[in-house]
Amino acid sequence: MKRILMLHGINHNMFGKRDPAQYGTVTLAQIDERLQALAAQLGVAVESFQTNSEAAMCERIHQAFEEGQDAVLINAGAWTHYSYGIRDALAILTCPFIELHMSNIHAREPFRHHSVFADIARGQISGFGVDSYLLGLRAAVAAIGAAV
């Protein structure tokens, strides 16, 4: 079974409480439940990881490389716009990774328009709320040829 790692970034543990105008009222647990349901339909395994520590995020990406994950999904939150440390960790991966965001980062504050990951990501999905995660999972499955 193909393995896909979902990385949730800084402040995502506050989904459902944080800025409902941008992120809605869905919780991180509900997002992960929806990912698990779709993963079962697609015949892949998804493991989710969330941290507010940039170092822990880098270490989990390193672990994904060592484990030989088949694909990585990442919503790094604000780190997307400035974390060269996470970018360098992602560049180590030999599997495809897909950047995703619930909100449309290009329709928000100017500092959010730039992603330091975009040029090394397989692709970027943003602006579809929870569906960004589901679209990202489908894109990852397509990228690794795991569709059933």
N, C-alpha and C. Protein backbone atom coordinates (compact mmCIF):
# COMPACT_ATOMS: atom_id res chain seq x y z
N MET A 1 0.85 -1.19 0.00
CA MET A 1 0.00 0.00 0.00
C MET A 1 0.89 1.24 0.00
N LYS A 2 0.57 2.18 -0.85
CA LYS A 2 1.33 3.43 -0.93
C LYS A 2 1.08 4.27 0.33
N ARG A 3 2.13 4.93 0.79
CA ARG A 3 2.06 5.72 2.03
C ARG A 3 2.26 7.20 1.72
N ILE A 4 1.36 8.00 2.25
CA ILE A 4 1.40 9.45 2.03
C ILE A 4 1.38 10.12 3.39
N LEU A 5 2.29 11.06 3.56
CA LEU A 5 2.39 11.81 4.81
C LEU A 5 1.75 13.18 4.64
N MET A 6 0.83 13.52 5.54
CA MET A 6 0.20 14.84 5.56
C MET A 6 0.83 15.65 6.68
N LEU A 7 1.47 16.75 6.31
CA LEU A 7 2.12 17.63 7.28
C LEU A 7 1.30 18.89 7.48
N HIS A 8 0.84 19.10 8.69
CA HIS A 8 0.08 20.29 9.06
C HIS A 8 1.01 21.23 9.82
N GLY A 9 1.04 22.47 9.43
CA GLY A 9 1.97 23.41 10.02
C GLY A 9 1.45 24.20 11.20
N ILE A 10 2.15 25.28 11.41
CA ILE A 10 1.98 26.14 12.58
C ILE A 10 0.55 26.70 12.67
N ASN A 11 0.00 26.62 13.86
CA ASN A 11 -1.34 27.11 14.22
C ASN A 11 -2.49 26.28 13.68
N HIS A 12 -2.21 25.20 12.98
CA HIS A 12 -3.30 24.41 12.42
C HIS A 12 -4.06 23.63 13.48
N ASN A 13 -3.46 23.45 14.62
CA ASN A 13 -4.19 22.84 15.74
C ASN A 13 -5.34 23.73 16.20
N MET A 14 -5.35 24.98 15.75
CA MET A 14 -6.40 25.93 16.13
C MET A 14 -7.50 26.05 15.07
N PHE A 15 -7.44 25.23 14.01
CA PHE A 15 -8.53 25.24 13.03
C PHE A 15 -9.84 24.99 13.77
N GLY A 16 -10.87 25.66 13.34
CA GLY A 16 -12.17 25.57 13.99
C GLY A 16 -12.39 26.71 14.97
N LYS A 17 -11.29 27.31 15.42
CA LYS A 17 -11.35 28.44 16.35
C LYS A 17 -10.71 29.69 15.75
N ARG A 18 -9.73 29.48 14.90
CA ARG A 18 -8.92 30.56 14.35
C ARG A 18 -9.52 31.11 13.06
N ASP A 19 -9.76 32.39 13.00
CA ASP A 19 -10.15 33.12 11.80
C ASP A 19 -11.14 32.35 10.91
N PRO A 20 -12.37 32.14 11.42
CA PRO A 20 -13.33 31.36 10.63
C PRO A 20 -13.66 31.97 9.27
N ALA A 21 -13.46 33.27 9.10
CA ALA A 21 -13.70 33.89 7.79
C ALA A 21 -12.76 33.31 6.73
N GLN A 22 -11.52 33.00 7.12
CA GLN A 22 -10.53 32.43 6.19
C GLN A 22 -10.58 30.91 6.15
N TYR A 23 -10.78 30.30 7.33
CA TYR A 23 -10.57 28.85 7.45
C TYR A 23 -11.83 28.06 7.78
N GLY A 24 -12.95 28.73 8.00
CA GLY A 24 -14.17 28.01 8.33
C GLY A 24 -14.14 27.51 9.77
N THR A 25 -15.02 26.60 10.07
CA THR A 25 -15.14 26.09 11.44
C THR A 25 -14.72 24.63 11.55
N VAL A 26 -14.22 24.08 10.49
CA VAL A 26 -13.76 22.69 10.52
C VAL A 26 -12.50 22.58 11.38
N THR A 27 -12.41 21.50 12.15
CA THR A 27 -11.25 21.28 13.01
C THR A 27 -10.20 20.44 12.28
N LEU A 28 -9.01 20.43 12.82
CA LEU A 28 -7.94 19.61 12.25
C LEU A 28 -8.33 18.13 12.29
N ALA A 29 -8.96 17.71 13.38
CA ALA A 29 -9.40 16.30 13.49
C ALA A 29 -10.40 15.97 12.39
N GLN A 30 -11.29 16.90 12.06
CA GLN A 30 -12.25 16.66 10.99
C GLN A 30 -11.58 16.61 9.63
N ILE A 31 -10.59 17.44 9.42
CA ILE A 31 -9.82 17.39 8.17
C ILE A 31 -9.15 16.03 8.04
N ASP A 32 -8.52 15.59 9.11
CA ASP A 32 -7.84 14.29 9.07
C ASP A 32 -8.82 13.15 8.84
N GLU A 33 -10.03 13.24 9.43
CA GLU A 33 -11.06 12.21 9.21
C GLU A 33 -11.43 12.14 7.73
N ARG A 34 -11.59 13.30 7.11
CA ARG A 34 -11.95 13.33 5.68
C ARG A 34 -10.82 12.77 4.82
N LEU A 35 -9.59 13.08 5.19
CA LEU A 35 -8.44 12.52 4.46
C LEU A 35 -8.41 11.00 4.60
N GLN A 36 -8.66 10.50 5.80
CA GLN A 36 -8.65 9.05 6.02
C GLN A 36 -9.75 8.36 5.21
N ALA A 37 -10.93 8.97 5.16
CA ALA A 37 -12.03 8.38 4.39
C ALA A 37 -11.68 8.31 2.90
N LEU A 38 -11.11 9.39 2.36
CA LEU A 38 -10.73 9.39 0.95
C LEU A 38 -9.57 8.43 0.71
N ALA A 39 -8.62 8.38 1.62
CA ALA A 39 -7.49 7.46 1.48
C ALA A 39 -7.98 6.01 1.38
N ALA A 40 -8.97 5.66 2.19
CA ALA A 40 -9.52 4.30 2.15
C ALA A 40 -10.13 4.02 0.77
N GLN A 41 -10.83 5.00 0.22
CA GLN A 41 -11.43 4.84 -1.12
C GLN A 41 -10.36 4.68 -2.19
N LEU A 42 -9.25 5.41 -2.02
CA LEU A 42 -8.19 5.40 -3.03
C LEU A 42 -7.17 4.27 -2.83
N GLY A 43 -7.28 3.56 -1.72
CA GLY A 43 -6.37 2.44 -1.47
C GLY A 43 -4.97 2.84 -1.06
N VAL A 44 -4.87 3.95 -0.34
CA VAL A 44 -3.57 4.41 0.17
C VAL A 44 -3.67 4.63 1.67
N ALA A 45 -2.53 4.71 2.31
CA ALA A 45 -2.48 5.01 3.75
C ALA A 45 -2.01 6.44 3.92
N VAL A 46 -2.68 7.18 4.79
CA VAL A 46 -2.29 8.55 5.09
C VAL A 46 -2.00 8.66 6.58
N GLU A 47 -0.84 9.21 6.88
CA GLU A 47 -0.46 9.53 8.26
C GLU A 47 -0.40 11.04 8.37
N SER A 48 -1.01 11.59 9.42
CA SER A 48 -0.99 13.03 9.62
C SER A 48 -0.09 13.41 10.78
N PHE A 49 0.55 14.56 10.63
CA PHE A 49 1.44 15.09 11.66
C PHE A 49 1.25 16.59 11.71
N GLN A 50 1.09 17.14 12.91
CA GLN A 50 0.97 18.58 13.09
C GLN A 50 1.94 19.03 14.16
N THR A 51 2.58 20.17 13.92
CA THR A 51 3.46 20.75 14.92
C THR A 51 3.48 22.27 14.78
N ASN A 52 3.78 22.92 15.89
CA ASN A 52 4.01 24.36 15.90
C ASN A 52 5.50 24.66 16.00
N SER A 53 6.32 23.62 15.89
CA SER A 53 7.78 23.76 15.98
C SER A 53 8.41 23.55 14.61
N GLU A 54 9.11 24.56 14.14
CA GLU A 54 9.78 24.45 12.85
C GLU A 54 10.81 23.33 12.85
N ALA A 55 11.51 23.17 13.96
CA ALA A 55 12.51 22.09 14.06
C ALA A 55 11.83 20.72 13.97
N ALA A 56 10.72 20.55 14.67
CA ALA A 56 10.01 19.28 14.63
C ALA A 56 9.50 18.99 13.22
N MET A 57 9.07 20.04 12.50
CA MET A 57 8.61 19.84 11.13
C MET A 57 9.77 19.37 10.25
N CYS A 58 10.92 19.98 10.38
CA CYS A 58 12.09 19.56 9.61
C CYS A 58 12.46 18.11 9.94
N GLU A 59 12.45 17.78 11.21
CA GLU A 59 12.78 16.41 11.62
C GLU A 59 11.79 15.40 11.07
N ARG A 60 10.51 15.76 11.00
CA ARG A 60 9.51 14.83 10.46
C ARG A 60 9.69 14.67 8.96
N ILE A 61 10.09 15.72 8.28
CA ILE A 61 10.38 15.61 6.85
C ILE A 61 11.60 14.70 6.63
N HIS A 62 12.62 14.87 7.45
CA HIS A 62 13.79 13.98 7.36
C HIS A 62 13.38 12.53 7.57
N GLN A 63 12.52 12.31 8.55
CA GLN A 63 12.02 10.96 8.84
C GLN A 63 11.25 10.40 7.64
N ALA A 64 10.46 11.24 6.98
CA ALA A 64 9.72 10.81 5.79
C ALA A 64 10.67 10.32 4.71
N PHE A 65 11.78 11.03 4.54
CA PHE A 65 12.80 10.60 3.58
C PHE A 65 13.35 9.23 3.98
N GLU A 66 13.71 9.08 5.25
CA GLU A 66 14.28 7.81 5.74
C GLU A 66 13.29 6.66 5.60
N GLU A 67 12.00 6.94 5.81
CA GLU A 67 10.96 5.92 5.74
C GLU A 67 10.62 5.54 4.30
N GLY A 68 11.01 6.37 3.36
CA GLY A 68 10.66 6.12 1.97
C GLY A 68 9.18 6.37 1.68
N GLN A 69 8.63 7.44 2.28
CA GLN A 69 7.24 7.78 1.99
C GLN A 69 7.06 7.92 0.48
N ASP A 70 5.88 7.58 0.00
CA ASP A 70 5.62 7.65 -1.44
C ASP A 70 5.26 9.05 -1.91
N ALA A 71 4.69 9.86 -1.01
CA ALA A 71 4.36 11.25 -1.33
C ALA A 71 4.16 12.00 -0.01
N VAL A 72 4.27 13.31 -0.10
CA VAL A 72 4.06 14.18 1.07
C VAL A 72 3.13 15.30 0.65
N LEU A 73 2.16 15.56 1.50
CA LEU A 73 1.30 16.74 1.38
C LEU A 73 1.72 17.69 2.48
N ILE A 74 1.79 18.97 2.20
CA ILE A 74 2.16 19.92 3.25
C ILE A 74 1.33 21.20 3.15
N ASN A 75 0.74 21.54 4.27
CA ASN A 75 0.17 22.87 4.48
C ASN A 75 1.00 23.44 5.62
N ALA A 76 2.00 24.20 5.29
CA ALA A 76 2.94 24.71 6.28
C ALA A 76 2.46 25.99 6.95
N GLY A 77 1.30 26.50 6.52
CA GLY A 77 0.82 27.75 7.11
C GLY A 77 1.81 28.87 6.82
N ALA A 78 2.01 29.73 7.80
CA ALA A 78 2.87 30.91 7.62
C ALA A 78 4.30 30.54 7.24
N TRP A 79 4.77 29.36 7.62
CA TRP A 79 6.13 28.95 7.25
C TRP A 79 6.32 28.94 5.74
N THR A 80 5.23 28.76 5.00
CA THR A 80 5.29 28.73 3.54
C THR A 80 6.01 29.93 2.97
N HIS A 81 5.88 31.05 3.65
CA HIS A 81 6.32 32.32 3.08
C HIS A 81 7.75 32.71 3.48
N TYR A 82 8.35 31.97 4.41
CA TYR A 82 9.68 32.41 4.85
C TYR A 82 10.61 31.31 5.36
N SER A 83 10.15 30.08 5.51
CA SER A 83 11.01 29.07 6.12
C SER A 83 11.90 28.36 5.10
N TYR A 84 13.10 28.88 4.99
CA TYR A 84 14.07 28.22 4.11
C TYR A 84 14.57 26.92 4.73
N GLY A 85 14.47 26.81 6.05
CA GLY A 85 14.83 25.54 6.71
C GLY A 85 13.90 24.42 6.28
N ILE A 86 12.59 24.69 6.29
CA ILE A 86 11.63 23.67 5.85
C ILE A 86 11.79 23.44 4.35
N ARG A 87 12.04 24.49 3.59
CA ARG A 87 12.26 24.32 2.15
C ARG A 87 13.44 23.38 1.89
N ASP A 88 14.54 23.61 2.61
CA ASP A 88 15.71 22.75 2.42
C ASP A 88 15.42 21.31 2.82
N ALA A 89 14.62 21.12 3.87
CA ALA A 89 14.24 19.75 4.26
C ALA A 89 13.39 19.11 3.16
N LEU A 90 12.43 19.86 2.63
CA LEU A 90 11.58 19.32 1.56
C LEU A 90 12.40 18.97 0.32
N ALA A 91 13.44 19.73 0.06
CA ALA A 91 14.28 19.47 -1.12
C ALA A 91 15.03 18.15 -1.01
N ILE A 92 15.15 17.62 0.19
CA ILE A 92 15.80 16.32 0.39
C ILE A 92 14.91 15.18 -0.11
N LEU A 93 13.61 15.38 -0.08
CA LEU A 93 12.68 14.31 -0.46
C LEU A 93 12.91 13.85 -1.89
N THR A 94 12.79 12.56 -2.10
CA THR A 94 12.87 12.00 -3.45
C THR A 94 11.49 11.65 -3.98
N CYS A 95 10.48 11.80 -3.15
CA CYS A 95 9.10 11.55 -3.56
C CYS A 95 8.43 12.89 -3.89
N PRO A 96 7.33 12.87 -4.63
CA PRO A 96 6.63 14.12 -4.91
C PRO A 96 6.04 14.71 -3.63
N PHE A 97 6.07 16.03 -3.54
CA PHE A 97 5.33 16.68 -2.47
C PHE A 97 4.46 17.77 -3.06
N ILE A 98 3.31 17.94 -2.44
CA ILE A 98 2.31 18.88 -2.91
C ILE A 98 2.03 19.88 -1.80
N GLU A 99 2.11 21.14 -2.16
CA GLU A 99 1.83 22.24 -1.23
C GLU A 99 0.35 22.56 -1.30
N LEU A 100 -0.28 22.71 -0.16
CA LEU A 100 -1.70 23.07 -0.18
C LEU A 100 -2.03 24.07 0.90
N HIS A 101 -3.12 24.79 0.65
CA HIS A 101 -3.61 25.83 1.57
C HIS A 101 -5.13 25.87 1.50
N MET A 102 -5.77 26.04 2.63
CA MET A 102 -7.22 26.18 2.66
C MET A 102 -7.67 27.48 2.01
N SER A 103 -6.97 28.56 2.31
CA SER A 103 -7.34 29.86 1.74
C SER A 103 -6.55 30.09 0.46
N ASN A 104 -7.03 31.02 -0.34
CA ASN A 104 -6.31 31.39 -1.56
C ASN A 104 -5.22 32.38 -1.16
N ILE A 105 -4.00 31.89 -1.04
CA ILE A 105 -2.91 32.74 -0.57
C ILE A 105 -2.63 33.90 -1.51
N HIS A 106 -3.04 33.79 -2.76
CA HIS A 106 -2.79 34.84 -3.73
C HIS A 106 -3.83 35.96 -3.67
N ALA A 107 -4.88 35.74 -2.88
CA ALA A 107 -5.93 36.76 -2.73
C ALA A 107 -5.90 37.37 -1.32
N ARG A 108 -4.80 37.14 -0.63
CA ARG A 108 -4.68 37.63 0.74
C ARG A 108 -3.60 38.70 0.82
N GLU A 109 -3.07 38.91 2.00
CA GLU A 109 -2.05 39.94 2.20
C GLU A 109 -0.86 39.68 1.27
N PRO A 110 -0.22 40.76 0.80
CA PRO A 110 0.88 40.59 -0.16
C PRO A 110 1.99 39.65 0.31
N PHE A 111 2.32 39.62 1.61
CA PHE A 111 3.40 38.74 2.05
C PHE A 111 3.04 37.27 1.87
N ARG A 112 1.75 36.95 1.76
CA ARG A 112 1.33 35.55 1.58
C ARG A 112 1.34 35.11 0.12
N HIS A 113 1.59 36.01 -0.81
CA HIS A 113 1.55 35.66 -2.22
C HIS A 113 2.74 34.82 -2.65
N HIS A 114 3.81 34.87 -1.90
CA HIS A 114 5.03 34.15 -2.28
C HIS A 114 5.21 32.90 -1.42
N SER A 115 5.51 31.80 -2.06
CA SER A 115 5.82 30.54 -1.37
C SER A 115 7.28 30.20 -1.64
N VAL A 116 8.04 29.95 -0.58
CA VAL A 116 9.43 29.54 -0.77
C VAL A 116 9.54 28.07 -1.17
N PHE A 117 8.40 27.35 -1.18
CA PHE A 117 8.38 25.93 -1.56
C PHE A 117 7.95 25.72 -3.01
N ALA A 118 7.25 26.68 -3.59
CA ALA A 118 6.54 26.46 -4.85
C ALA A 118 7.42 25.94 -5.97
N ASP A 119 8.64 26.41 -6.05
CA ASP A 119 9.49 26.01 -7.18
C ASP A 119 10.01 24.59 -7.08
N ILE A 120 9.88 23.96 -5.91
CA ILE A 120 10.34 22.57 -5.78
C ILE A 120 9.17 21.61 -5.53
N ALA A 121 7.97 22.15 -5.36
CA ALA A 121 6.78 21.31 -5.15
C ALA A 121 6.31 20.74 -6.48
N ARG A 122 5.65 19.58 -6.41
CA ARG A 122 5.03 19.00 -7.61
C ARG A 122 3.92 19.93 -8.11
N GLY A 123 3.23 20.56 -7.15
CA GLY A 123 2.17 21.49 -7.48
C GLY A 123 1.65 22.16 -6.23
N GLN A 124 0.75 23.11 -6.43
CA GLN A 124 0.20 23.89 -5.33
C GLN A 124 -1.31 23.96 -5.51
N ILE A 125 -2.04 23.72 -4.42
CA ILE A 125 -3.50 23.79 -4.43
C ILE A 125 -3.89 24.75 -3.31
N SER A 126 -4.68 25.75 -3.63
CA SER A 126 -5.10 26.70 -2.60
C SER A 126 -6.47 27.26 -2.90
N GLY A 127 -7.16 27.64 -1.82
CA GLY A 127 -8.40 28.37 -1.96
C GLY A 127 -9.67 27.55 -1.91
N PHE A 128 -9.58 26.26 -1.66
CA PHE A 128 -10.76 25.40 -1.69
C PHE A 128 -11.17 24.88 -0.32
N GLY A 129 -10.69 25.52 0.74
CA GLY A 129 -11.05 25.06 2.08
C GLY A 129 -10.59 23.64 2.31
N VAL A 130 -11.43 22.85 2.96
CA VAL A 130 -11.09 21.45 3.24
C VAL A 130 -10.84 20.69 1.94
N ASP A 131 -11.53 21.06 0.88
CA ASP A 131 -11.33 20.37 -0.39
C ASP A 131 -9.90 20.51 -0.91
N SER A 132 -9.17 21.53 -0.49
CA SER A 132 -7.76 21.63 -0.88
C SER A 132 -7.00 20.38 -0.43
N TYR A 133 -7.31 19.89 0.77
CA TYR A 133 -6.66 18.68 1.27
C TYR A 133 -7.04 17.47 0.42
N LEU A 134 -8.31 17.35 0.10
CA LEU A 134 -8.79 16.19 -0.67
C LEU A 134 -8.25 16.23 -2.10
N LEU A 135 -8.23 17.42 -2.69
CA LEU A 135 -7.64 17.56 -4.02
C LEU A 135 -6.15 17.24 -3.98
N GLY A 136 -5.48 17.67 -2.91
CA GLY A 136 -4.06 17.37 -2.76
C GLY A 136 -3.80 15.88 -2.65
N LEU A 137 -4.65 15.18 -1.91
CA LEU A 137 -4.49 13.73 -1.80
C LEU A 137 -4.70 13.06 -3.15
N ARG A 138 -5.70 13.49 -3.87
CA ARG A 138 -5.93 12.92 -5.21
C ARG A 138 -4.73 13.20 -6.13
N ALA A 139 -4.17 14.39 -6.03
CA ALA A 139 -3.01 14.73 -6.85
C ALA A 139 -1.80 13.88 -6.47
N ALA A 140 -1.63 13.65 -5.18
CA ALA A 140 -0.51 12.81 -4.73
C ALA A 140 -0.66 11.39 -5.24
N VAL A 141 -1.87 10.86 -5.15
CA VAL A 141 -2.12 9.49 -5.65
C VAL A 141 -1.83 9.42 -7.15
N ALA A 142 -2.27 10.42 -7.88
CA ALA A 142 -1.99 10.43 -9.31
C ALA A 142 -0.49 10.52 -9.59
N ALA A 143 0.20 11.32 -8.79
CA ALA A 143 1.65 11.50 -8.99
C ALA A 143 2.43 10.22 -8.75
N ILE A 144 1.96 9.40 -7.85
CA ILE A 144 2.69 8.16 -7.56
C ILE A 144 2.09 6.95 -8.26
N GLY A 145 1.01 7.17 -9.01
CA GLY A 145 0.42 6.08 -9.77
C GLY A 145 -0.24 5.02 -8.90
N ALA A 146 -0.81 5.46 -7.77
CA ALA A 146 -1.40 4.49 -6.84
C ALA A 146 -2.91 4.36 -7.00
N ALA A 147 -3.49 5.05 -7.97
CA ALA A 147 -4.94 5.00 -8.12
C ALA A 147 -5.41 3.58 -8.39
N VAL A 148 -6.51 3.25 -7.76
CA VAL A 148 -7.07 1.91 -7.95
C VAL A 148 -8.16 1.92 -8.99
